[in-house]
């Protein structure tokens, strides 16, 4: 039987993996993309480079989202802020 701490650790790891997946979805949304891979090819060079950089940073974006998550603000607003901050600071 798992202890409370072990269960909590598993929960946090699963939650983080969902945030990483959500980071990819939010980056796609930021660029107006959906699941269609062909649409990514239509991005101009600079946008594609930025898109690739953000997708590569999905773990960082997820960590930032977790740090900024606040039940008083919609998640989509927080994601948008995280993405814009990453672009401003790192790109």
PDB file of N, CA and C in Angstrom:
ATOM      1  N   UNK A   1       0.843  -1.184   0.000  1.00  0.00           N
ATOM      2  CA  UNK A   1       0.000   0.000   0.000  1.00  0.00           C
ATOM      3  C   UNK A   1       0.889   1.248   0.000  1.00  0.00           C
ATOM      4  N   UNK A   2       0.501   2.212  -0.796  1.00  0.00           N
ATOM      5  CA  UNK A   2       1.277   3.448  -0.901  1.00  0.00           C
ATOM      6  C   UNK A   2       0.958   4.388   0.242  1.00  0.00           C
ATOM      7  N   UNK A   3       1.979   5.109   0.668  1.00  0.00           N
ATOM      8  CA  UNK A   3       1.768   6.127   1.691  1.00  0.00           C
ATOM      9  C   UNK A   3       1.150   7.372   1.044  1.00  0.00           C
ATOM     10  N   UNK A   4       0.696   8.271   1.860  1.00  0.00           N
ATOM     11  CA  UNK A   4       0.130   9.521   1.360  1.00  0.00           C
ATOM     12  C   UNK A   4       1.161  10.278   0.526  1.00  0.00           C
ATOM     13  N   UNK A   5       2.384  10.355   1.005  1.00  0.00           N
ATOM     14  CA  UNK A   5       3.438  11.072   0.278  1.00  0.00           C
ATOM     15  C   UNK A   5       3.716  10.433  -1.079  1.00  0.00           C
ATOM     16  N   UNK A   6       3.720   9.118  -1.138  1.00  0.00           N
ATOM     17  CA  UNK A   6       3.943   8.421  -2.401  1.00  0.00           C
ATOM     18  C   UNK A   6       2.793   8.680  -3.374  1.00  0.00           C
ATOM     19  N   UNK A   7       1.566   8.638  -2.874  1.00  0.00           N
ATOM     20  CA  UNK A   7       0.405   8.930  -3.715  1.00  0.00           C
ATOM     21  C   UNK A   7       0.455  10.367  -4.217  1.00  0.00           C
ATOM     22  N   UNK A   8       0.817  11.281  -3.336  1.00  0.00           N
ATOM     23  CA  UNK A   8       0.880  12.690  -3.715  1.00  0.00           C
ATOM     24  C   UNK A   8       1.956  12.922  -4.777  1.00  0.00           C
ATOM     25  N   UNK A   9       3.085  12.254  -4.621  1.00  0.00           N
ATOM     26  CA  UNK A   9       4.161  12.381  -5.604  1.00  0.00           C
ATOM     27  C   UNK A   9       3.698  11.880  -6.971  1.00  0.00           C
ATOM     28  N   UNK A  10       3.012  10.754  -7.001  1.00  0.00           N
ATOM     29  CA  UNK A  10       2.486  10.213  -8.260  1.00  0.00           C
ATOM     30  C   UNK A  10       1.476  11.182  -8.860  1.00  0.00           C
ATOM     31  N   UNK A  11       0.606  11.723  -8.020  1.00  0.00           N
ATOM     32  CA  UNK A  11      -0.385  12.691  -8.472  1.00  0.00           C
ATOM     33  C   UNK A  11       0.288  13.903  -9.102  1.00  0.00           C
ATOM     34  N   UNK A  12       1.307  14.452  -8.442  1.00  0.00           N
ATOM     35  CA  UNK A  12       1.998  15.643  -8.951  1.00  0.00           C
ATOM     36  C   UNK A  12       2.716  15.339 -10.272  1.00  0.00           C
ATOM     37  N   UNK A  13       3.304  14.152 -10.384  1.00  0.00           N
ATOM     38  CA  UNK A  13       3.972  13.775 -11.627  1.00  0.00           C
ATOM     39  C   UNK A  13       2.974  13.665 -12.774  1.00  0.00           C
ATOM     40  N   UNK A  14       1.824  13.076 -12.506  1.00  0.00           N
ATOM     41  CA  UNK A  14       0.788  12.971 -13.538  1.00  0.00           C
ATOM     42  C   UNK A  14       0.251  14.358 -13.898  1.00  0.00           C
ATOM     43  N   UNK A  15       0.025  15.173 -12.898  1.00  0.00           N
ATOM     44  CA  UNK A  15      -0.462  16.527 -13.135  1.00  0.00           C
ATOM     45  C   UNK A  15       0.523  17.305 -14.006  1.00  0.00           C
ATOM     46  N   UNK A  16       1.810  17.173 -13.703  1.00  0.00           N
ATOM     47  CA  UNK A  16       2.833  17.863 -14.484  1.00  0.00           C
ATOM     48  C   UNK A  16       2.830  17.370 -15.940  1.00  0.00           C
ATOM     49  N   UNK A  17       2.671  16.073 -16.127  1.00  0.00           N
ATOM     50  CA  UNK A  17       2.648  15.545 -17.502  1.00  0.00           C
ATOM     51  C   UNK A  17       1.452  16.112 -18.273  1.00  0.00           C
ATOM     52  N   UNK A  18       0.339  16.326 -17.588  1.00  0.00           N
ATOM     53  CA  UNK A  18      -0.814  16.957 -18.241  1.00  0.00           C
ATOM     54  C   UNK A  18      -0.513  18.414 -18.581  1.00  0.00           C
ATOM     55  N   UNK A  19       0.214  19.104 -17.707  1.00  0.00           N
ATOM     56  CA  UNK A  19       0.581  20.495 -17.987  1.00  0.00           C
ATOM     57  C   UNK A  19       1.540  20.579 -19.172  1.00  0.00           C
ATOM     58  N   UNK A  20       2.437  19.620 -19.299  1.00  0.00           N
ATOM     59  CA  UNK A  20       3.356  19.593 -20.443  1.00  0.00           C
ATOM     60  C   UNK A  20       2.556  19.395 -21.735  1.00  0.00           C
ATOM     61  N   UNK A  21       1.619  18.480 -21.712  1.00  0.00           N
ATOM     62  CA  UNK A  21       0.757  18.259 -22.879  1.00  0.00           C
ATOM     63  C   UNK A  21      -0.063  19.512 -23.177  1.00  0.00           C
ATOM     64  N   UNK A  22      -0.559  20.148 -22.128  1.00  0.00           N
ATOM     65  CA  UNK A  22      -1.333  21.378 -22.306  1.00  0.00           C
ATOM     66  C   UNK A  22      -0.457  22.501 -22.861  1.00  0.00           C
ATOM     67  N   UNK A  23       0.818  22.520 -22.480  1.00  0.00           N
ATOM     68  CA  UNK A  23       1.733  23.542 -23.011  1.00  0.00           C
ATOM     69  C   UNK A  23       1.806  23.449 -24.528  1.00  0.00           C
ATOM     70  N   UNK A  24       1.911  22.245 -25.050  1.00  0.00           N
ATOM     71  CA  UNK A  24       1.950  22.046 -26.501  1.00  0.00           C
ATOM     72  C   UNK A  24       0.645  22.540 -27.128  1.00  0.00           C
ATOM     73  N   UNK A  25      -0.471  22.182 -26.512  1.00  0.00           N
ATOM     74  CA  UNK A  25      -1.772  22.622 -27.028  1.00  0.00           C
ATOM     75  C   UNK A  25      -1.895  24.142 -26.999  1.00  0.00           C
ATOM     76  N   UNK A  26      -1.401  24.771 -25.940  1.00  0.00           N
ATOM     77  CA  UNK A  26      -1.496  26.217 -25.813  1.00  0.00           C
ATOM     78  C   UNK A  26      -0.590  26.936 -26.817  1.00  0.00           C
ATOM     79  N   UNK A  27       0.587  26.377 -27.076  1.00  0.00           N
ATOM     80  CA  UNK A  27       1.475  26.956 -28.094  1.00  0.00           C
ATOM     81  C   UNK A  27       0.792  26.866 -29.461  1.00  0.00           C
ATOM     82  N   UNK A  28       0.193  25.715 -29.748  1.00  0.00           N
ATOM     83  CA  UNK A  28      -0.544  25.580 -31.006  1.00  0.00           C
ATOM     84  C   UNK A  28      -1.662  26.619 -31.084  1.00  0.00           C
ATOM     85  N   UNK A  29      -2.384  26.794 -30.015  1.00  0.00           N
ATOM     86  CA  UNK A  29      -3.464  27.784 -29.971  1.00  0.00           C
ATOM     87  C   UNK A  29      -2.911  29.197 -30.167  1.00  0.00           C
ATOM     88  N   UNK A  30      -1.778  29.488 -29.557  1.00  0.00           N
ATOM     89  CA  UNK A  30      -1.155  30.809 -29.667  1.00  0.00           C
ATOM     90  C   UNK A  30      -0.859  31.147 -31.127  1.00  0.00           C
ATOM     91  N   UNK A  31      -0.459  30.141 -31.894  1.00  0.00           N
ATOM     92  CA  UNK A  31      -0.143  30.339 -33.307  1.00  0.00           C
ATOM     93  C   UNK A  31      -1.349  30.070 -34.220  1.00  0.00           C
ATOM     94  N   UNK A  32      -2.501  29.796 -33.618  1.00  0.00           N
ATOM     95  CA  UNK A  32      -3.703  29.543 -34.406  1.00  0.00           C
ATOM     96  C   UNK A  32      -3.665  28.218 -35.134  1.00  0.00           C
ATOM     97  N   UNK A  33      -2.936  27.270 -34.591  1.00  0.00           N
ATOM     98  CA  UNK A  33      -2.805  25.953 -35.211  1.00  0.00           C
ATOM     99  C   UNK A  33      -3.713  24.954 -34.507  1.00  0.00           C
ATOM    100  N   UNK A  34      -4.026  23.882 -35.217  1.00  0.00           N
ATOM    101  CA  UNK A  34      -4.746  22.784 -34.598  1.00  0.00           C
ATOM    102  C   UNK A  34      -3.907  21.534 -34.757  1.00  0.00           C
ATOM    103  N   UNK A  35      -4.528  20.407 -34.746  1.00  0.00           N
ATOM    104  CA  UNK A  35      -3.793  19.140 -34.828  1.00  0.00           C
ATOM    105  C   UNK A  35      -3.173  18.900 -36.197  1.00  0.00           C
ATOM    106  N   UNK A  36      -3.525  19.696 -37.171  1.00  0.00           N
ATOM    107  CA  UNK A  36      -3.071  19.520 -38.551  1.00  0.00           C
ATOM    108  C   UNK A  36      -1.599  19.910 -38.692  1.00  0.00           C
ATOM    109  N   UNK A  37      -0.747  18.924 -38.933  1.00  0.00           N
ATOM    110  CA  UNK A  37       0.685  19.185 -39.080  1.00  0.00           C
ATOM    111  C   UNK A  37       1.004  20.048 -40.293  1.00  0.00           C
ATOM    112  N   UNK A  38       0.194  19.973 -41.331  1.00  0.00           N
ATOM    113  CA  UNK A  38       0.453  20.747 -42.543  1.00  0.00           C
ATOM    114  C   UNK A  38       0.397  22.247 -42.282  1.00  0.00           C
ATOM    115  N   UNK A  39      -0.419  22.669 -41.342  1.00  0.00           N
ATOM    116  CA  UNK A  39      -0.555  24.102 -41.057  1.00  0.00           C
ATOM    117  C   UNK A  39       0.750  24.685 -40.505  1.00  0.00           C
ATOM    118  N   UNK A  40       1.534  23.895 -39.817  1.00  0.00           N
ATOM    119  CA  UNK A  40       2.814  24.372 -39.277  1.00  0.00           C
ATOM    120  C   UNK A  40       3.767  24.759 -40.398  1.00  0.00           C
ATOM    121  N   UNK A  41       3.667  24.055 -41.505  1.00  0.00           N
ATOM    122  CA  UNK A  41       4.528  24.336 -42.649  1.00  0.00           C
ATOM    123  C   UNK A  41       4.210  25.686 -43.287  1.00  0.00           C
ATOM    124  N   UNK A  42       3.034  26.209 -43.012  1.00  0.00           N
ATOM    125  CA  UNK A  42       2.635  27.492 -43.585  1.00  0.00           C
ATOM    126  C   UNK A  42       3.143  28.685 -42.775  1.00  0.00           C
ATOM    127  N   UNK A  43       3.698  28.431 -41.605  1.00  0.00           N
ATOM    128  CA  UNK A  43       4.273  29.515 -40.808  1.00  0.00           C
ATOM    129  C   UNK A  43       5.500  30.069 -41.524  1.00  0.00           C
ATOM    130  N   UNK A  44       5.693  31.383 -41.437  1.00  0.00           N
ATOM    131  CA  UNK A  44       6.922  31.916 -42.028  1.00  0.00           C
ATOM    132  C   UNK A  44       8.115  31.480 -41.180  1.00  0.00           C
ATOM    133  N   UNK A  45       9.308  31.712 -41.681  1.00  0.00           N
ATOM    134  CA  UNK A  45      10.525  31.202 -41.041  1.00  0.00           C
ATOM    135  C   UNK A  45      10.642  31.642 -39.582  1.00  0.00           C
ATOM    136  N   UNK A  46      10.450  32.935 -39.308  1.00  0.00           N
ATOM    137  CA  UNK A  46      10.592  33.450 -37.940  1.00  0.00           C
ATOM    138  C   UNK A  46       9.552  32.853 -37.000  1.00  0.00           C
ATOM    139  N   UNK A  47       8.310  32.769 -37.469  1.00  0.00           N
ATOM    140  CA  UNK A  47       7.269  32.170 -36.640  1.00  0.00           C
ATOM    141  C   UNK A  47       7.538  30.693 -36.400  1.00  0.00           C
ATOM    142  N   UNK A  48       8.030  30.005 -37.428  1.00  0.00           N
ATOM    143  CA  UNK A  48       8.328  28.590 -37.260  1.00  0.00           C
ATOM    144  C   UNK A  48       9.469  28.387 -36.263  1.00  0.00           C
ATOM    145  N   UNK A  49      10.475  29.241 -36.322  1.00  0.00           N
ATOM    146  CA  UNK A  49      11.581  29.154 -35.359  1.00  0.00           C
ATOM    147  C   UNK A  49      11.082  29.410 -33.938  1.00  0.00           C
ATOM    148  N   UNK A  50      10.226  30.407 -33.779  1.00  0.00           N
ATOM    149  CA  UNK A  50       9.651  30.711 -32.468  1.00  0.00           C
ATOM    150  C   UNK A  50       8.774  29.562 -31.994  1.00  0.00           C
ATOM    151  N   UNK A  51       7.960  29.047 -32.893  1.00  0.00           N
ATOM    152  CA  UNK A  51       7.104  27.904 -32.569  1.00  0.00           C
ATOM    153  C   UNK A  51       7.953  26.718 -32.097  1.00  0.00           C
ATOM    154  N   UNK A  52       8.988  26.406 -32.839  1.00  0.00           N
ATOM    155  CA  UNK A  52       9.870  25.282 -32.485  1.00  0.00           C
ATOM    156  C   UNK A  52      10.538  25.502 -31.139  1.00  0.00           C
ATOM    157  N   UNK A  53      10.953  26.737 -30.881  1.00  0.00           N
ATOM    158  CA  UNK A  53      11.578  27.068 -29.601  1.00  0.00           C
ATOM    159  C   UNK A  53      10.608  26.853 -28.447  1.00  0.00           C
ATOM    160  N   UNK A  54       9.375  27.285 -28.634  1.00  0.00           N
ATOM    161  CA  UNK A  54       8.367  27.126 -27.584  1.00  0.00           C
ATOM    162  C   UNK A  54       8.024  25.662 -27.355  1.00  0.00           C
ATOM    163  N   UNK A  55       7.902  24.900 -28.428  1.00  0.00           N
ATOM    164  CA  UNK A  55       7.602  23.468 -28.274  1.00  0.00           C
ATOM    165  C   UNK A  55       8.758  22.768 -27.562  1.00  0.00           C
ATOM    166  N   UNK A  56       9.983  23.141 -27.890  1.00  0.00           N
ATOM    167  CA  UNK A  56      11.158  22.555 -27.223  1.00  0.00           C
ATOM    168  C   UNK A  56      11.187  22.910 -25.734  1.00  0.00           C
ATOM    169  N   UNK A  57      10.570  24.025 -25.386  1.00  0.00           N
ATOM    170  CA  UNK A  57      10.573  24.493 -24.004  1.00  0.00           C
ATOM    171  C   UNK A  57       9.302  24.087 -23.254  1.00  0.00           C
ATOM    172  N   UNK A  58       8.603  23.080 -23.736  1.00  0.00           N
ATOM    173  CA  UNK A  58       7.320  22.715 -23.129  1.00  0.00           C
ATOM    174  C   UNK A  58       7.431  22.382 -21.642  1.00  0.00           C
ATOM    175  N   UNK A  59       8.532  21.780 -21.218  1.00  0.00           N
ATOM    176  CA  UNK A  59       8.723  21.484 -19.791  1.00  0.00           C
ATOM    177  C   UNK A  59       8.867  22.779 -18.995  1.00  0.00           C
ATOM    178  N   UNK A  60       9.615  23.724 -19.533  1.00  0.00           N
ATOM    179  CA  UNK A  60       9.808  25.019 -18.881  1.00  0.00           C
ATOM    180  C   UNK A  60       8.482  25.761 -18.806  1.00  0.00           C
ATOM    181  N   UNK A  61       7.733  25.760 -19.902  1.00  0.00           N
ATOM    182  CA  UNK A  61       6.432  26.421 -19.912  1.00  0.00           C
ATOM    183  C   UNK A  61       5.494  25.790 -18.882  1.00  0.00           C
ATOM    184  N   UNK A  62       5.508  24.470 -18.787  1.00  0.00           N
ATOM    185  CA  UNK A  62       4.661  23.782 -17.808  1.00  0.00           C
ATOM    186  C   UNK A  62       5.059  24.159 -16.386  1.00  0.00           C
ATOM    187  N   UNK A  63       6.364  24.227 -16.132  1.00  0.00           N
ATOM    188  CA  UNK A  63       6.840  24.637 -14.799  1.00  0.00           C
ATOM    189  C   UNK A  63       6.392  26.052 -14.467  1.00  0.00           C
ATOM    190  N   UNK A  64       6.527  26.951 -15.450  1.00  0.00           N
ATOM    191  CA  UNK A  64       6.112  28.338 -15.240  1.00  0.00           C
ATOM    192  C   UNK A  64       4.608  28.419 -14.981  1.00  0.00           C
ATOM    193  N   UNK A  65       3.848  27.645 -15.723  1.00  0.00           N
ATOM    194  CA  UNK A  65       2.398  27.630 -15.523  1.00  0.00           C
ATOM    195  C   UNK A  65       2.071  27.169 -14.107  1.00  0.00           C
ATOM    196  N   UNK A  66       2.717  26.102 -13.665  1.00  0.00           N
ATOM    197  CA  UNK A  66       2.467  25.593 -12.310  1.00  0.00           C
ATOM    198  C   UNK A  66       2.791  26.646 -11.262  1.00  0.00           C
ATOM    199  N   UNK A  67       3.869  27.401 -11.485  1.00  0.00           N
ATOM    200  CA  UNK A  67       4.254  28.446 -10.531  1.00  0.00           C
ATOM    201  C   UNK A  67       3.244  29.591 -10.501  1.00  0.00           C
ATOM    202  N   UNK A  68       2.657  29.899 -11.655  1.00  0.00           N
ATOM    203  CA  UNK A  68       1.749  31.048 -11.761  1.00  0.00           C
ATOM    204  C   UNK A  68       0.279  30.681 -11.579  1.00  0.00           C
ATOM    205  N   UNK A  69      -0.031  29.402 -11.577  1.00  0.00           N
ATOM    206  CA  UNK A  69      -1.432  28.967 -11.505  1.00  0.00           C
ATOM    207  C   UNK A  69      -2.105  29.572 -10.283  1.00  0.00           C
ATOM    208  N   UNK A  70      -3.275  30.144 -10.532  1.00  0.00           N
ATOM    209  CA  UNK A  70      -4.029  30.826  -9.486  1.00  0.00           C
ATOM    210  C   UNK A  70      -5.505  30.618  -9.795  1.00  0.00           C
ATOM    211  N   UNK A  71      -6.238  30.101  -8.838  1.00  0.00           N
ATOM    212  CA  UNK A  71      -7.654  29.793  -9.091  1.00  0.00           C
ATOM    213  C   UNK A  71      -8.490  31.040  -9.359  1.00  0.00           C
ATOM    214  N   UNK A  72      -7.933  32.222  -9.125  1.00  0.00           N
ATOM    215  CA  UNK A  72      -8.666  33.466  -9.370  1.00  0.00           C
ATOM    216  C   UNK A  72      -8.564  33.936 -10.823  1.00  0.00           C
ATOM    217  N   UNK A  73      -7.761  33.267 -11.632  1.00  0.00           N
ATOM    218  CA  UNK A  73      -7.571  33.650 -13.031  1.00  0.00           C
ATOM    219  C   UNK A  73      -7.797  32.441 -13.926  1.00  0.00           C
ATOM    220  N   UNK A  74      -8.390  32.665 -15.098  1.00  0.00           N
ATOM    221  CA  UNK A  74      -8.595  31.545 -16.030  1.00  0.00           C
ATOM    222  C   UNK A  74      -7.261  30.960 -16.496  1.00  0.00           C
ATOM    223  N   UNK A  75      -7.215  29.648 -16.619  1.00  0.00           N
ATOM    224  CA  UNK A  75      -5.990  28.974 -17.052  1.00  0.00           C
ATOM    225  C   UNK A  75      -5.490  29.493 -18.394  1.00  0.00           C
ATOM    226  N   UNK A  76      -6.400  29.738 -19.337  1.00  0.00           N
ATOM    227  CA  UNK A  76      -5.973  30.212 -20.656  1.00  0.00           C
ATOM    228  C   UNK A  76      -5.261  31.558 -20.566  1.00  0.00           C
ATOM    229  N   UNK A  77      -5.703  32.430 -19.676  1.00  0.00           N
ATOM    230  CA  UNK A  77      -5.020  33.719 -19.485  1.00  0.00           C
ATOM    231  C   UNK A  77      -3.618  33.517 -18.915  1.00  0.00           C
ATOM    232  N   UNK A  78      -3.504  32.577 -18.005  1.00  0.00           N
ATOM    233  CA  UNK A  78      -2.195  32.287 -17.408  1.00  0.00           C
ATOM    234  C   UNK A  78      -1.260  31.704 -18.465  1.00  0.00           C
ATOM    235  N   UNK A  79      -1.764  30.778 -19.269  1.00  0.00           N
ATOM    236  CA  UNK A  79      -0.950  30.197 -20.337  1.00  0.00           C
ATOM    237  C   UNK A  79      -0.470  31.272 -21.296  1.00  0.00           C
ATOM    238  N   UNK A  80      -1.362  32.169 -21.686  1.00  0.00           N
ATOM    239  CA  UNK A  80      -0.983  33.234 -22.609  1.00  0.00           C
ATOM    240  C   UNK A  80       0.119  34.099 -22.006  1.00  0.00           C
ATOM    241  N   UNK A  81      -0.007  34.396 -20.728  1.00  0.00           N
ATOM    242  CA  UNK A  81       1.012  35.183 -20.030  1.00  0.00           C
ATOM    243  C   UNK A  81       2.346  34.437 -19.985  1.00  0.00           C
ATOM    244  N   UNK A  82       2.306  33.157 -19.698  1.00  0.00           N
ATOM    245  CA  UNK A  82       3.522  32.338 -19.627  1.00  0.00           C
ATOM    246  C   UNK A  82       4.223  32.320 -20.983  1.00  0.00           C
ATOM    247  N   UNK A  83       3.464  32.132 -22.047  1.00  0.00           N
ATOM    248  CA  UNK A  83       4.046  32.081 -23.387  1.00  0.00           C
ATOM    249  C   UNK A  83       4.642  33.435 -23.763  1.00  0.00           C
ATOM    250  N   UNK A  84       3.901  34.503 -23.519  1.00  0.00           N
ATOM    251  CA  UNK A  84       4.406  35.847 -23.859  1.00  0.00           C
ATOM    252  C   UNK A  84       5.640  36.189 -23.039  1.00  0.00           C
ATOM    253  N   UNK A  85       5.646  35.841 -21.762  1.00  0.00           N
ATOM    254  CA  UNK A  85       6.829  36.101 -20.921  1.00  0.00           C
ATOM    255  C   UNK A  85       8.034  35.327 -21.422  1.00  0.00           C
ATOM    256  N   UNK A  86       7.823  34.066 -21.816  1.00  0.00           N
ATOM    257  CA  UNK A  86       8.927  33.262 -22.338  1.00  0.00           C
ATOM    258  C   UNK A  86       9.501  33.911 -23.596  1.00  0.00           C
ATOM    259  N   UNK A  87       8.608  34.364 -24.469  1.00  0.00           N
ATOM    260  CA  UNK A  87       9.057  34.997 -25.714  1.00  0.00           C
ATOM    261  C   UNK A  87       9.861  36.268 -25.411  1.00  0.00           C
ATOM    262  N   UNK A  88       9.361  37.087 -24.505  1.00  0.00           N
ATOM    263  CA  UNK A  88      10.033  38.330 -24.176  1.00  0.00           C
ATOM    264  C   UNK A  88      11.391  38.128 -23.525  1.00  0.00           C
ATOM    265  N   UNK A  89      11.483  37.137 -22.663  1.00  0.00           N
ATOM    266  CA  UNK A  89      12.698  36.938 -21.882  1.00  0.00           C
ATOM    267  C   UNK A  89      13.739  36.095 -22.621  1.00  0.00           C
ATOM    268  N   UNK A  90      13.302  35.064 -23.306  1.00  0.00           N
ATOM    269  CA  UNK A  90      14.249  34.087 -23.847  1.00  0.00           C
ATOM    270  C   UNK A  90      14.424  34.127 -25.355  1.00  0.00           C
ATOM    271  N   UNK A  91      13.553  34.799 -26.059  1.00  0.00           N
ATOM    272  CA  UNK A  91      13.660  34.762 -27.522  1.00  0.00           C
ATOM    273  C   UNK A  91      14.076  36.101 -28.070  1.00  0.00           C
TER     274      UNK A  91
END
